[in-house]
């Protein structure tokens, strides 16, 4: 089973601070809409690679960035059939 990993925020400001620190630390990320299965709060989330989670947690602690959690969802593989 494959999963997608997300950092969730209560505010856009916290999300943008995290983006800045991830960039400074050369950690790959993607800004995405928050999956509704995970939260109905802030509209942005950061998708990241699971192997970077320890470094991300260190950044959160070091810079006291407010996150509402690190979560994961099972990746959905979509079959597209062309007619």
Protein backbone atom coordinates (compact mmCIF):
# COMPACT_ATOMS: atom_id res chain seq x y z
CA UNK A 1 0.00 0.00 0.00
CA UNK A 2 1.27 3.48 -0.86
CA UNK A 3 0.55 6.65 1.08
CA UNK A 4 0.71 10.40 0.57
CA UNK A 5 2.00 12.43 3.54
CA UNK A 6 0.74 15.90 4.51
CA UNK A 7 1.51 18.69 6.96
CA UNK A 8 -1.69 20.47 8.01
CA UNK A 9 -2.00 24.04 9.30
CA UNK A 10 -4.56 26.21 11.03
CA UNK A 11 -3.48 29.32 9.08
CA UNK A 12 -1.89 30.16 5.73
CA UNK A 13 0.78 32.14 7.59
CA UNK A 14 2.01 29.02 9.37
CA UNK A 15 2.00 27.13 6.08
CA UNK A 16 4.06 29.80 4.36
CA UNK A 17 6.58 29.85 7.23
CA UNK A 18 6.97 26.08 6.85
CA UNK A 19 7.50 26.46 3.08
CA UNK A 20 10.28 28.96 3.74
CA UNK A 21 12.06 26.62 6.17
CA UNK A 22 11.67 23.56 3.94
CA UNK A 23 13.17 25.51 1.06
CA UNK A 24 16.09 26.70 3.23
CA UNK A 25 16.76 23.08 4.23
CA UNK A 26 16.47 21.68 0.68
CA UNK A 27 13.53 19.42 1.55
CA UNK A 28 11.24 18.53 -1.35
CA UNK A 29 7.60 19.51 -0.91
CA UNK A 30 4.47 20.45 -2.82
CA UNK A 31 1.84 22.95 -1.71
CA UNK A 32 -1.57 21.34 -2.20
CA UNK A 33 -5.18 21.96 -1.22
CA UNK A 34 -5.90 20.35 2.14
CA UNK A 35 -7.59 16.98 1.53
CA UNK A 36 -11.10 17.24 3.00
CA UNK A 37 -10.73 13.74 4.47
CA UNK A 38 -8.02 15.16 6.74
CA UNK A 39 -9.27 18.61 7.74
CA UNK A 40 -11.75 21.34 7.00
CA UNK A 41 -9.47 24.06 8.40
CA UNK A 42 -6.83 25.98 6.46
CA UNK A 43 -7.06 25.54 2.70
CA UNK A 44 -3.39 24.69 2.13
CA UNK A 45 -1.32 21.69 3.11
CA UNK A 46 2.20 20.59 2.31
CA UNK A 47 2.74 17.20 0.74
CA UNK A 48 6.11 15.65 1.56
CA UNK A 49 8.12 12.45 1.24
CA UNK A 50 7.93 10.14 4.25
CA UNK A 51 11.73 9.79 4.45
CA UNK A 52 11.93 13.54 5.23
CA UNK A 53 9.60 13.33 8.25
CA UNK A 54 12.35 13.40 10.93
CA UNK A 55 13.92 16.51 9.38
CA UNK A 56 10.48 18.13 9.11
CA UNK A 57 9.72 17.43 12.78
CA UNK A 58 13.09 18.95 13.70
CA UNK A 59 12.24 22.11 11.72
CA UNK A 60 8.82 22.35 13.40
CA UNK A 61 10.46 22.10 16.85
CA UNK A 62 13.41 24.39 16.10
CA UNK A 63 11.34 27.23 14.62
CA UNK A 64 8.21 26.62 16.73
CA UNK A 65 6.01 26.41 13.65
CA UNK A 66 2.37 25.77 14.50
CA UNK A 67 0.98 22.76 12.67
CA UNK A 68 -2.30 21.00 13.22
CA UNK A 69 -0.65 17.68 12.44
CA UNK A 70 1.24 15.40 10.11
CA UNK A 71 -1.17 12.99 8.45
CA UNK A 72 -1.26 10.43 5.68
CA UNK A 73 -3.80 9.07 3.21
CA UNK A 74 -3.76 5.93 1.16
CA UNK A 75 -2.81 6.81 -2.41
CA UNK A 76 -5.61 6.14 -4.85
CA UNK A 77 -4.57 4.69 -8.18
CA UNK A 78 -7.03 5.75 -10.84
CA UNK A 79 -7.53 3.66 -13.93
CA UNK A 80 -8.22 5.79 -16.97
CA UNK A 81 -9.63 3.97 -19.96
CA UNK A 82 -9.67 5.58 -23.36
CA UNK A 83 -12.38 4.67 -25.80
